[in-house]
Amino acid sequence: MAAVYPTFTYGDDPAQWTTPGDAVDLLRERVHTRRAELWQELERQAGAPHMLGRRFSALDLYVTVMTHWRPGPSWFSAMCPALTAVAREAALEPNVARVLRRHFPPPTE
């Protein structure tokens, strides 16, 4: 899981890490592709109902928060159903639910 977080460092501001021009777009694209590959690997490793199977851990919290980041909840639902299930299970815990509501409020219509 530790490999996912740095993709935001490089993908959020690729101009900081490369030369101007097409290289910025290329780096952004490669970082986003690599992030998706990393999530797919974690998807294959996910237990149920938690990342470690029956045991709730900090990994569940990490997945729960990160599924709200890029590429976003819709992508995770479609591409990583096991991680989505882990996140949903963790969100049932009242303290986790409160944090999620505070930091990721539901969209208003």
PDB file of N, CA and C in Angstrom:
ATOM      1  N   MET A   1       0.811  -1.196   0.000  1.00  0.00           N
ATOM      2  CA  MET A   1       0.000   0.000   0.000  1.00  0.00           C
ATOM      3  C   MET A   1       0.852   1.256   0.000  1.00  0.00           C
ATOM      4  N   ALA A   2       2.009   1.154   0.571  1.00  0.00           N
ATOM      5  CA  ALA A   2       2.869   2.332   0.651  1.00  0.00           C
ATOM      6  C   ALA A   2       3.261   2.846  -0.728  1.00  0.00           C
ATOM      7  N   ALA A   3       3.199   2.017  -1.742  1.00  0.00           N
ATOM      8  CA  ALA A   3       3.572   2.448  -3.093  1.00  0.00           C
ATOM      9  C   ALA A   3       2.526   3.349  -3.728  1.00  0.00           C
ATOM     10  N   VAL A   4       1.280   3.290  -3.267  1.00  0.00           N
ATOM     11  CA  VAL A   4       0.221   4.100  -3.874  1.00  0.00           C
ATOM     12  C   VAL A   4       0.402   5.577  -3.541  1.00  0.00           C
ATOM     13  N   TYR A   5       0.681   5.880  -2.309  1.00  0.00           N
ATOM     14  CA  TYR A   5       0.705   7.277  -1.868  1.00  0.00           C
ATOM     15  C   TYR A   5       1.656   8.156  -2.687  1.00  0.00           C
ATOM     16  N   PRO A   6       2.880   7.722  -2.989  1.00  0.00           N
ATOM     17  CA  PRO A   6       3.775   8.585  -3.784  1.00  0.00           C
ATOM     18  C   PRO A   6       3.239   8.922  -5.173  1.00  0.00           C
ATOM     19  N   THR A   7       2.317   8.132  -5.695  1.00  0.00           N
ATOM     20  CA  THR A   7       1.783   8.461  -7.021  1.00  0.00           C
ATOM     21  C   THR A   7       1.048   9.792  -6.999  1.00  0.00           C
ATOM     22  N   PHE A   8       0.554  10.181  -5.836  1.00  0.00           N
ATOM     23  CA  PHE A   8      -0.097  11.486  -5.734  1.00  0.00           C
ATOM     24  C   PHE A   8       0.948  12.607  -5.711  1.00  0.00           C
ATOM     25  N   THR A   9       2.084  12.345  -5.107  1.00  0.00           N
ATOM     26  CA  THR A   9       3.166  13.329  -5.087  1.00  0.00           C
ATOM     27  C   THR A   9       3.584  13.680  -6.515  1.00  0.00           C
ATOM     28  N   TYR A  10       3.767  12.659  -7.341  1.00  0.00           N
ATOM     29  CA  TYR A  10       4.222  12.890  -8.712  1.00  0.00           C
ATOM     30  C   TYR A  10       3.081  13.226  -9.665  1.00  0.00           C
ATOM     31  N   GLY A  11       1.920  12.654  -9.444  1.00  0.00           N
ATOM     32  CA  GLY A  11       0.802  12.861 -10.358  1.00  0.00           C
ATOM     33  C   GLY A  11       0.068  14.168 -10.162  1.00  0.00           C
ATOM     34  N   ASP A  12       0.078  14.709  -8.926  1.00  0.00           N
ATOM     35  CA  ASP A  12      -0.643  15.959  -8.676  1.00  0.00           C
ATOM     36  C   ASP A  12       0.060  17.172  -9.273  1.00  0.00           C
ATOM     37  N   ASP A  13       1.369  17.150  -9.295  1.00  0.00           N
ATOM     38  CA  ASP A  13       2.119  18.284  -9.837  1.00  0.00           C
ATOM     39  C   ASP A  13       3.305  17.773 -10.643  1.00  0.00           C
ATOM     40  N   PRO A  14       3.052  17.125 -11.783  1.00  0.00           N
ATOM     41  CA  PRO A  14       4.139  16.534 -12.548  1.00  0.00           C
ATOM     42  C   PRO A  14       5.149  17.549 -13.069  1.00  0.00           C
ATOM     43  N   ALA A  15       4.733  18.796 -13.244  1.00  0.00           N
ATOM     44  CA  ALA A  15       5.673  19.813 -13.741  1.00  0.00           C
ATOM     45  C   ALA A  15       6.835  20.020 -12.774  1.00  0.00           C
ATOM     46  N   GLN A  16       6.621  19.728 -11.518  1.00  0.00           N
ATOM     47  CA  GLN A  16       7.677  19.861 -10.515  1.00  0.00           C
ATOM     48  C   GLN A  16       8.759  18.796 -10.699  1.00  0.00           C
ATOM     49  N   TRP A  17       8.438  17.711 -11.400  1.00  0.00           N
ATOM     50  CA  TRP A  17       9.328  16.565 -11.469  1.00  0.00           C
ATOM     51  C   TRP A  17       9.904  16.306 -12.854  1.00  0.00           C
ATOM     52  N   THR A  18       9.540  17.131 -13.848  1.00  0.00           N
ATOM     53  CA  THR A  18      10.034  16.885 -15.198  1.00  0.00           C
ATOM     54  C   THR A  18      10.173  18.217 -15.937  1.00  0.00           C
ATOM     55  N   THR A  19      10.590  18.143 -17.172  1.00  0.00           N
ATOM     56  CA  THR A  19      10.745  19.349 -17.978  1.00  0.00           C
ATOM     57  C   THR A  19       9.390  19.769 -18.533  1.00  0.00           C
ATOM     58  N   PRO A  20       9.236  21.045 -18.858  1.00  0.00           N
ATOM     59  CA  PRO A  20       7.953  21.520 -19.397  1.00  0.00           C
ATOM     60  C   PRO A  20       7.615  20.856 -20.730  1.00  0.00           C
ATOM     61  N   GLY A  21       6.361  20.956 -21.094  1.00  0.00           N
ATOM     62  CA  GLY A  21       5.918  20.441 -22.390  1.00  0.00           C
ATOM     63  C   GLY A  21       5.238  19.097 -22.265  1.00  0.00           C
ATOM     64  N   ASP A  22       5.414  18.304 -23.321  1.00  0.00           N
ATOM     65  CA  ASP A  22       4.752  17.005 -23.386  1.00  0.00           C
ATOM     66  C   ASP A  22       5.168  16.068 -22.257  1.00  0.00           C
ATOM     67  N   ALA A  23       6.355  16.261 -21.709  1.00  0.00           N
ATOM     68  CA  ALA A  23       6.830  15.389 -20.639  1.00  0.00           C
ATOM     69  C   ALA A  23       5.918  15.449 -19.418  1.00  0.00           C
ATOM     70  N   VAL A  24       5.332  16.600 -19.167  1.00  0.00           N
ATOM     71  CA  VAL A  24       4.415  16.748 -18.024  1.00  0.00           C
ATOM     72  C   VAL A  24       3.205  15.849 -18.217  1.00  0.00           C
ATOM     73  N   ASP A  25       2.599  15.911 -19.395  1.00  0.00           N
ATOM     74  CA  ASP A  25       1.426  15.081 -19.674  1.00  0.00           C
ATOM     75  C   ASP A  25       1.780  13.597 -19.659  1.00  0.00           C
ATOM     76  N   LEU A  26       2.945  13.255 -20.197  1.00  0.00           N
ATOM     77  CA  LEU A  26       3.385  11.865 -20.220  1.00  0.00           C
ATOM     78  C   LEU A  26       3.596  11.342 -18.805  1.00  0.00           C
ATOM     79  N   LEU A  27       4.240  12.129 -17.953  1.00  0.00           N
ATOM     80  CA  LEU A  27       4.449  11.711 -16.570  1.00  0.00           C
ATOM     81  C   LEU A  27       3.115  11.533 -15.857  1.00  0.00           C
ATOM     82  N   ARG A  28       2.217  12.492 -16.032  1.00  0.00           N
ATOM     83  CA  ARG A  28       0.894  12.389 -15.397  1.00  0.00           C
ATOM     84  C   ARG A  28       0.188  11.100 -15.840  1.00  0.00           C
ATOM     85  N   GLU A  29       0.201  10.827 -17.123  1.00  0.00           N
ATOM     86  CA  GLU A  29      -0.453   9.630 -17.656  1.00  0.00           C
ATOM     87  C   GLU A  29       0.179   8.357 -17.095  1.00  0.00           C
ATOM     88  N   ARG A  30       1.493   8.306 -17.078  1.00  0.00           N
ATOM     89  CA  ARG A  30       2.182   7.116 -16.568  1.00  0.00           C
ATOM     90  C   ARG A  30       1.929   6.909 -15.075  1.00  0.00           C
ATOM     91  N   VAL A  31       1.906   7.995 -14.330  1.00  0.00           N
ATOM     92  CA  VAL A  31       1.656   7.888 -12.893  1.00  0.00           C
ATOM     93  C   VAL A  31       0.235   7.391 -12.645  1.00  0.00           C
ATOM     94  N   HIS A  32      -0.741   7.918 -13.364  1.00  0.00           N
ATOM     95  CA  HIS A  32      -2.120   7.472 -13.178  1.00  0.00           C
ATOM     96  C   HIS A  32      -2.281   5.999 -13.585  1.00  0.00           C
ATOM     97  N   THR A  33      -1.602   5.594 -14.648  1.00  0.00           N
ATOM     98  CA  THR A  33      -1.643   4.191 -15.064  1.00  0.00           C
ATOM     99  C   THR A  33      -1.009   3.303 -14.001  1.00  0.00           C
ATOM    100  N   ARG A  34       0.126   3.729 -13.481  1.00  0.00           N
ATOM    101  CA  ARG A  34       0.799   2.941 -12.442  1.00  0.00           C
ATOM    102  C   ARG A  34      -0.060   2.853 -11.184  1.00  0.00           C
ATOM    103  N   ARG A  35      -0.709   3.937 -10.813  1.00  0.00           N
ATOM    104  CA  ARG A  35      -1.586   3.924  -9.638  1.00  0.00           C
ATOM    105  C   ARG A  35      -2.698   2.898  -9.822  1.00  0.00           C
ATOM    106  N   ALA A  36      -3.300   2.869 -10.989  1.00  0.00           N
ATOM    107  CA  ALA A  36      -4.365   1.897 -11.258  1.00  0.00           C
ATOM    108  C   ALA A  36      -3.823   0.470 -11.151  1.00  0.00           C
ATOM    109  N   GLU A  37      -2.611   0.241 -11.647  1.00  0.00           N
ATOM    110  CA  GLU A  37      -1.996  -1.090 -11.537  1.00  0.00           C
ATOM    111  C   GLU A  37      -1.781  -1.471 -10.070  1.00  0.00           C
ATOM    112  N   LEU A  38      -1.327  -0.525  -9.269  1.00  0.00           N
ATOM    113  CA  LEU A  38      -1.119  -0.789  -7.843  1.00  0.00           C
ATOM    114  C   LEU A  38      -2.435  -1.113  -7.146  1.00  0.00           C
ATOM    115  N   TRP A  39      -3.488  -0.358  -7.465  1.00  0.00           N
ATOM    116  CA  TRP A  39      -4.792  -0.643  -6.873  1.00  0.00           C
ATOM    117  C   TRP A  39      -5.279  -2.026  -7.297  1.00  0.00           C
ATOM    118  N   GLN A  40      -5.042  -2.403  -8.540  1.00  0.00           N
ATOM    119  CA  GLN A  40      -5.453  -3.723  -8.999  1.00  0.00           C
ATOM    120  C   GLN A  40      -4.703  -4.832  -8.243  1.00  0.00           C
ATOM    121  N   GLU A  41      -3.450  -4.607  -7.955  1.00  0.00           N
ATOM    122  CA  GLU A  41      -2.686  -5.589  -7.163  1.00  0.00           C
ATOM    123  C   GLU A  41      -3.262  -5.699  -5.757  1.00  0.00           C
ATOM    124  N   LEU A  42      -3.575  -4.581  -5.152  1.00  0.00           N
ATOM    125  CA  LEU A  42      -4.189  -4.615  -3.819  1.00  0.00           C
ATOM    126  C   LEU A  42      -5.557  -5.275  -3.872  1.00  0.00           C
ATOM    127  N   GLU A  43      -6.275  -5.055  -4.941  1.00  0.00           N
ATOM    128  CA  GLU A  43      -7.574  -5.698  -5.137  1.00  0.00           C
ATOM    129  C   GLU A  43      -7.418  -7.221  -5.071  1.00  0.00           C
ATOM    130  N   ARG A  44      -6.382  -7.736  -5.707  1.00  0.00           N
ATOM    131  CA  ARG A  44      -6.155  -9.184  -5.710  1.00  0.00           C
ATOM    132  C   ARG A  44      -5.779  -9.712  -4.329  1.00  0.00           C
ATOM    133  N   GLN A  45      -5.248  -8.841  -3.482  1.00  0.00           N
ATOM    134  CA  GLN A  45      -4.808  -9.255  -2.147  1.00  0.00           C
ATOM    135  C   GLN A  45      -5.863  -9.039  -1.066  1.00  0.00           C
ATOM    136  N   ALA A  46      -6.922  -8.340  -1.385  1.00  0.00           N
ATOM    137  CA  ALA A  46      -7.915  -7.960  -0.372  1.00  0.00           C
ATOM    138  C   ALA A  46      -8.615  -9.175   0.212  1.00  0.00           C
ATOM    139  N   GLY A  47      -8.734  -9.146   1.537  1.00  0.00           N
ATOM    140  CA  GLY A  47      -9.503 -10.171   2.226  1.00  0.00           C
ATOM    141  C   GLY A  47     -10.949  -9.723   2.348  1.00  0.00           C
ATOM    142  N   ALA A  48     -11.720 -10.474   3.103  1.00  0.00           N
ATOM    143  CA  ALA A  48     -13.113 -10.093   3.344  1.00  0.00           C
ATOM    144  C   ALA A  48     -13.485 -10.522   4.765  1.00  0.00           C
ATOM    145  N   PRO A  49     -14.151  -9.724   5.507  1.00  0.00           N
ATOM    146  CA  PRO A  49     -14.705  -8.431   5.133  1.00  0.00           C
ATOM    147  C   PRO A  49     -13.684  -7.289   5.226  1.00  0.00           C
ATOM    148  N   HIS A  50     -12.487  -7.599   5.750  1.00  0.00           N
ATOM    149  CA  HIS A  50     -11.442  -6.573   5.902  1.00  0.00           C
ATOM    150  C   HIS A  50     -10.228  -6.946   5.053  1.00  0.00           C
ATOM    151  N   MET A  51      -9.299  -6.029   4.913  1.00  0.00           N
ATOM    152  CA  MET A  51      -8.098  -6.303   4.121  1.00  0.00           C
ATOM    153  C   MET A  51      -7.389  -7.557   4.609  1.00  0.00           C
ATOM    154  N   LEU A  52      -7.350  -7.762   5.915  1.00  0.00           N
ATOM    155  CA  LEU A  52      -6.666  -8.927   6.473  1.00  0.00           C
ATOM    156  C   LEU A  52      -7.623 -10.083   6.760  1.00  0.00           C
ATOM    157  N   GLY A  53      -8.777 -10.037   6.164  1.00  0.00           N
ATOM    158  CA  GLY A  53      -9.763 -11.089   6.395  1.00  0.00           C
ATOM    159  C   GLY A  53     -10.711 -10.694   7.513  1.00  0.00           C
ATOM    160  N   ARG A  54     -10.700 -11.456   8.580  1.00  0.00           N
ATOM    161  CA  ARG A  54     -11.629 -11.194   9.681  1.00  0.00           C
ATOM    162  C   ARG A  54     -11.150 -10.081  10.601  1.00  0.00           C
ATOM    163  N   ARG A  55      -9.895  -9.692  10.479  1.00  0.00           N
ATOM    164  CA  ARG A  55      -9.304  -8.733  11.400  1.00  0.00           C
ATOM    165  C   ARG A  55      -9.300  -7.316  10.835  1.00  0.00           C
ATOM    166  N   PHE A  56      -9.947  -6.372  11.541  1.00  0.00           N
ATOM    167  CA  PHE A  56      -9.932  -4.952  11.179  1.00  0.00           C
ATOM    168  C   PHE A  56      -8.551  -4.397  11.507  1.00  0.00           C
ATOM    169  N   SER A  57      -8.008  -3.575  10.610  1.00  0.00           N
ATOM    170  CA  SER A  57      -6.672  -3.010  10.832  1.00  0.00           C
ATOM    171  C   SER A  57      -6.579  -1.615  10.219  1.00  0.00           C
ATOM    172  N   ALA A  58      -5.432  -1.006  10.413  1.00  0.00           N
ATOM    173  CA  ALA A  58      -5.173   0.303   9.813  1.00  0.00           C
ATOM    174  C   ALA A  58      -5.246   0.241   8.286  1.00  0.00           C
ATOM    175  N   LEU A  59      -5.001  -0.921   7.709  1.00  0.00           N
ATOM    176  CA  LEU A  59      -5.111  -1.052   6.251  1.00  0.00           C
ATOM    177  C   LEU A  59      -6.527  -0.750   5.779  1.00  0.00           C
ATOM    178  N   ASP A  60      -7.509  -1.131   6.579  1.00  0.00           N
ATOM    179  CA  ASP A  60      -8.903  -0.840   6.228  1.00  0.00           C
ATOM    180  C   ASP A  60      -9.160   0.663   6.216  1.00  0.00           C
ATOM    181  N   LEU A  61      -8.585   1.356   7.172  1.00  0.00           N
ATOM    182  CA  LEU A  61      -8.742   2.815   7.223  1.00  0.00           C
ATOM    183  C   LEU A  61      -8.092   3.464   6.010  1.00  0.00           C
ATOM    184  N   TYR A  62      -6.915   3.005   5.668  1.00  0.00           N
ATOM    185  CA  TYR A  62      -6.186   3.527   4.513  1.00  0.00           C
ATOM    186  C   TYR A  62      -7.015   3.349   3.238  1.00  0.00           C
ATOM    187  N   VAL A  63      -7.516   2.145   3.023  1.00  0.00           N
ATOM    188  CA  VAL A  63      -8.328   1.870   1.830  1.00  0.00           C
ATOM    189  C   VAL A  63      -9.586   2.723   1.828  1.00  0.00           C
ATOM    190  N   THR A  64     -10.215   2.847   2.980  1.00  0.00           N
ATOM    191  CA  THR A  64     -11.464   3.600   3.073  1.00  0.00           C
ATOM    192  C   THR A  64     -11.276   5.051   2.656  1.00  0.00           C
ATOM    193  N   VAL A  65     -10.226   5.671   3.135  1.00  0.00           N
ATOM    194  CA  VAL A  65      -9.958   7.068   2.773  1.00  0.00           C
ATOM    195  C   VAL A  65      -9.509   7.168   1.316  1.00  0.00           C
ATOM    196  N   MET A  66      -8.600   6.308   0.908  1.00  0.00           N
ATOM    197  CA  MET A  66      -8.043   6.414  -0.441  1.00  0.00           C
ATOM    198  C   MET A  66      -9.081   6.152  -1.531  1.00  0.00           C
ATOM    199  N   THR A  67     -10.114   5.398  -1.244  1.00  0.00           N
ATOM    200  CA  THR A  67     -11.140   5.181  -2.278  1.00  0.00           C
ATOM    201  C   THR A  67     -11.948   6.438  -2.553  1.00  0.00           C
ATOM    202  N   HIS A  68     -11.763   7.459  -1.727  1.00  0.00           N
ATOM    203  CA  HIS A  68     -12.397   8.756  -1.981  1.00  0.00           C
ATOM    204  C   HIS A  68     -11.498   9.678  -2.814  1.00  0.00           C
ATOM    205  N   TRP A  69     -10.236   9.296  -2.973  1.00  0.00           N
ATOM    206  CA  TRP A  69      -9.300  10.079  -3.771  1.00  0.00           C
ATOM    207  C   TRP A  69      -9.352   9.593  -5.210  1.00  0.00           C
ATOM    208  N   ARG A  70      -8.495  10.178  -6.059  1.00  0.00           N
ATOM    209  CA  ARG A  70      -8.425   9.741  -7.446  1.00  0.00           C
ATOM    210  C   ARG A  70      -7.988   8.289  -7.514  1.00  0.00           C
ATOM    211  N   PRO A  71      -8.581   7.548  -8.375  1.00  0.00           N
ATOM    212  CA  PRO A  71      -9.484   7.911  -9.454  1.00  0.00           C
ATOM    213  C   PRO A  71     -10.944   8.064  -9.047  1.00  0.00           C
ATOM    214  N   GLY A  72     -11.292   7.859  -7.791  1.00  0.00           N
ATOM    215  CA  GLY A  72     -12.628   8.168  -7.295  1.00  0.00           C
ATOM    216  C   GLY A  72     -13.499   6.946  -7.033  1.00  0.00           C
ATOM    217  N   PRO A  73     -14.557   7.165  -6.250  1.00  0.00           N
ATOM    218  CA  PRO A  73     -15.435   6.062  -5.857  1.00  0.00           C
ATOM    219  C   PRO A  73     -16.052   5.284  -7.028  1.00  0.00           C
ATOM    220  N   SER A  74     -16.405   5.951  -8.094  1.00  0.00           N
ATOM    221  CA  SER A  74     -17.001   5.244  -9.238  1.00  0.00           C
ATOM    222  C   SER A  74     -16.008   4.266  -9.854  1.00  0.00           C
ATOM    223  N   TRP A  75     -14.756   4.708  -9.999  1.00  0.00           N
ATOM    224  CA  TRP A  75     -13.725   3.824 -10.550  1.00  0.00           C
ATOM    225  C   TRP A  75     -13.513   2.628  -9.633  1.00  0.00           C
ATOM    226  N   PHE A  76     -13.406   2.883  -8.334  1.00  0.00           N
ATOM    227  CA  PHE A  76     -13.198   1.777  -7.397  1.00  0.00           C
ATOM    228  C   PHE A  76     -14.360   0.792  -7.432  1.00  0.00           C
ATOM    229  N   SER A  77     -15.582   1.293  -7.496  1.00  0.00           N
ATOM    230  CA  SER A  77     -16.738   0.399  -7.565  1.00  0.00           C
ATOM    231  C   SER A  77     -16.668  -0.506  -8.784  1.00  0.00           C
ATOM    232  N   ALA A  78     -16.264   0.053  -9.913  1.00  0.00           N
ATOM    233  CA  ALA A  78     -16.207  -0.712 -11.157  1.00  0.00           C
ATOM    234  C   ALA A  78     -14.979  -1.611 -11.253  1.00  0.00           C
ATOM    235  N   MET A  79     -13.835  -1.113 -10.810  1.00  0.00           N
ATOM    236  CA  MET A  79     -12.570  -1.802 -11.042  1.00  0.00           C
ATOM    237  C   MET A  79     -12.032  -2.571  -9.832  1.00  0.00           C
ATOM    238  N   CYS A  80     -12.450  -2.190  -8.652  1.00  0.00           N
ATOM    239  CA  CYS A  80     -11.927  -2.802  -7.425  1.00  0.00           C
ATOM    240  C   CYS A  80     -13.067  -3.109  -6.452  1.00  0.00           C
ATOM    241  N   PRO A  81     -13.936  -4.045  -6.805  1.00  0.00           N
ATOM    242  CA  PRO A  81     -15.074  -4.321  -5.934  1.00  0.00           C
ATOM    243  C   PRO A  81     -14.683  -4.838  -4.553  1.00  0.00           C
ATOM    244  N   ALA A  82     -13.594  -5.574  -4.445  1.00  0.00           N
ATOM    245  CA  ALA A  82     -13.173  -6.071  -3.124  1.00  0.00           C
ATOM    246  C   ALA A  82     -12.704  -4.919  -2.240  1.00  0.00           C
ATOM    247  N   LEU A  83     -11.954  -3.978  -2.796  1.00  0.00           N
ATOM    248  CA  LEU A  83     -11.525  -2.814  -2.017  1.00  0.00           C
ATOM    249  C   LEU A  83     -12.720  -1.953  -1.642  1.00  0.00           C
ATOM    250  N   THR A  84     -13.673  -1.833  -2.553  1.00  0.00           N
ATOM    251  CA  THR A  84     -14.887  -1.081  -2.267  1.00  0.00           C
ATOM    252  C   THR A  84     -15.646  -1.733  -1.112  1.00  0.00           C
ATOM    253  N   ALA A  85     -15.710  -3.051  -1.109  1.00  0.00           N
ATOM    254  CA  ALA A  85     -16.391  -3.761  -0.023  1.00  0.00           C
ATOM    255  C   ALA A  85     -15.664  -3.559   1.307  1.00  0.00           C
ATOM    256  N   VAL A  86     -14.337  -3.577   1.283  1.00  0.00           N
ATOM    257  CA  VAL A  86     -13.545  -3.321   2.496  1.00  0.00           C
ATOM    258  C   VAL A  86     -13.855  -1.919   3.019  1.00  0.00           C
ATOM    259  N   ALA A  87     -13.882  -0.941   2.125  1.00  0.00           N
ATOM    260  CA  ALA A  87     -14.163   0.443   2.520  1.00  0.00           C
ATOM    261  C   ALA A  87     -15.567   0.581   3.091  1.00  0.00           C
ATOM    262  N   ARG A  88     -16.520  -0.062   2.480  1.00  0.00           N
ATOM    263  CA  ARG A  88     -17.904   0.002   2.988  1.00  0.00           C
ATOM    264  C   ARG A  88     -18.017  -0.626   4.375  1.00  0.00           C
ATOM    265  N   GLU A  89     -17.332  -1.736   4.577  1.00  0.00           N
ATOM    266  CA  GLU A  89     -17.360  -2.401   5.882  1.00  0.00           C
ATOM    267  C   GLU A  89     -16.739  -1.507   6.953  1.00  0.00           C
ATOM    268  N   ALA A  90     -15.614  -0.900   6.642  1.00  0.00           N
ATOM    269  CA  ALA A  90     -14.960  -0.007   7.606  1.00  0.00           C
ATOM    270  C   ALA A  90     -15.838   1.198   7.912  1.00  0.00           C
ATOM    271  N   ALA A  91     -16.539   1.695   6.912  1.00  0.00           N
ATOM    272  CA  ALA A  91     -17.397   2.871   7.094  1.00  0.00           C
ATOM    273  C   ALA A  91     -18.587   2.589   8.008  1.00  0.00           C
ATOM    274  N   LEU A  92     -18.861   1.341   8.286  1.00  0.00           N
ATOM    275  CA  LEU A  92     -19.943   0.993   9.208  1.00  0.00           C
ATOM    276  C   LEU A  92     -19.558   1.253  10.662  1.00  0.00           C
ATOM    277  N   GLU A  93     -18.262   1.336  10.918  1.00  0.00           N
ATOM    278  CA  GLU A  93     -17.808   1.617  12.284  1.00  0.00           C
ATOM    279  C   GLU A  93     -18.136   3.082  12.575  1.00  0.00           C
ATOM    280  N   PRO A  94     -18.830   3.394  13.677  1.00  0.00           N
ATOM    281  CA  PRO A  94     -19.316   4.760  13.915  1.00  0.00           C
ATOM    282  C   PRO A  94     -18.237   5.845  13.885  1.00  0.00           C
ATOM    283  N   ASN A  95     -17.076   5.602  14.453  1.00  0.00           N
ATOM    284  CA  ASN A  95     -16.031   6.630  14.441  1.00  0.00           C
ATOM    285  C   ASN A  95     -15.511   6.887  13.026  1.00  0.00           C
ATOM    286  N   VAL A  96     -15.380   5.843  12.265  1.00  0.00           N
ATOM    287  CA  VAL A  96     -14.943   5.985  10.872  1.00  0.00           C
ATOM    288  C   VAL A  96     -16.010   6.740  10.087  1.00  0.00           C
ATOM    289  N   ALA A  97     -17.266   6.397  10.307  1.00  0.00           N
ATOM    290  CA  ALA A  97     -18.367   7.071   9.605  1.00  0.00           C
ATOM    291  C   ALA A  97     -18.372   8.567   9.896  1.00  0.00           C
ATOM    292  N   ARG A  98     -18.123   8.941  11.129  1.00  0.00           N
ATOM    293  CA  ARG A  98     -18.086  10.376  11.472  1.00  0.00           C
ATOM    294  C   ARG A  98     -16.962  11.098  10.741  1.00  0.00           C
ATOM    295  N   VAL A  99     -15.806  10.497  10.688  1.00  0.00           N
ATOM    296  CA  VAL A  99     -14.677  11.116   9.988  1.00  0.00           C
ATOM    297  C   VAL A  99     -14.988  11.248   8.501  1.00  0.00           C
ATOM    298  N   LEU A 100     -15.564  10.216   7.920  1.00  0.00           N
ATOM    299  CA  LEU A 100     -15.898  10.270   6.499  1.00  0.00           C
ATOM    300  C   LEU A 100     -16.922  11.362   6.200  1.00  0.00           C
ATOM    301  N   ARG A 101     -17.927  11.481   7.043  1.00  0.00           N
ATOM    302  CA  ARG A 101     -18.926  12.539   6.831  1.00  0.00           C
ATOM    303  C   ARG A 101     -18.295  13.927   6.918  1.00  0.00           C
ATOM    304  N   ARG A 102     -17.366  14.084   7.833  1.00  0.00           N
ATOM    305  CA  ARG A 102     -16.720  15.389   8.017  1.00  0.00           C
ATOM    306  C   ARG A 102     -15.816  15.735   6.826  1.00  0.00           C
ATOM    307  N   HIS A 103     -15.075  14.763   6.320  1.00  0.00           N
ATOM    308  CA  HIS A 103     -14.084  15.047   5.276  1.00  0.00           C
ATOM    309  C   HIS A 103     -14.567  14.769   3.855  1.00  0.00           C
ATOM    310  N   PHE A 104     -15.582  13.937   3.730  1.00  0.00           N
ATOM    311  CA  PHE A 104     -16.110  13.590   2.411  1.00  0.00           C
ATOM    312  C   PHE A 104     -17.624  13.645   2.451  1.00  0.00           C
ATOM    313  N   PRO A 105     -18.185  14.837   2.625  1.00  0.00           N
ATOM    314  CA  PRO A 105     -19.651  14.927   2.709  1.00  0.00           C
ATOM    315  C   PRO A 105     -20.296  14.458   1.416  1.00  0.00           C
ATOM    316  N   PRO A 106     -21.497  13.889   1.535  1.00  0.00           N
ATOM    317  CA  PRO A 106     -22.187  13.453   0.303  1.00  0.00           C
ATOM    318  C   PRO A 106     -22.502  14.657  -0.571  1.00  0.00           C
ATOM    319  N   PRO A 107     -22.505  14.440  -1.889  1.00  0.00           N
ATOM    320  CA  PRO A 107     -22.810  15.559  -2.798  1.00  0.00           C
ATOM    321  C   PRO A 107     -24.226  16.062  -2.591  1.00  0.00           C
ATOM    322  N   THR A 108     -24.379  17.358  -2.720  1.00  0.00           N
ATOM    323  CA  THR A 108     -25.714  17.946  -2.618  1.00  0.00           C
ATOM    324  C   THR A 108     -26.318  18.040  -4.002  1.00  0.00           C
ATOM    325  N   GLU A 109     -27.618  17.909  -4.064  1.00  0.00           N
ATOM    326  CA  GLU A 109     -28.286  17.962  -5.379  1.00  0.00           C
ATOM    327  C   GLU A 109     -28.911  19.299  -5.604  1.00  0.00           C
TER     328      GLU A 109
END
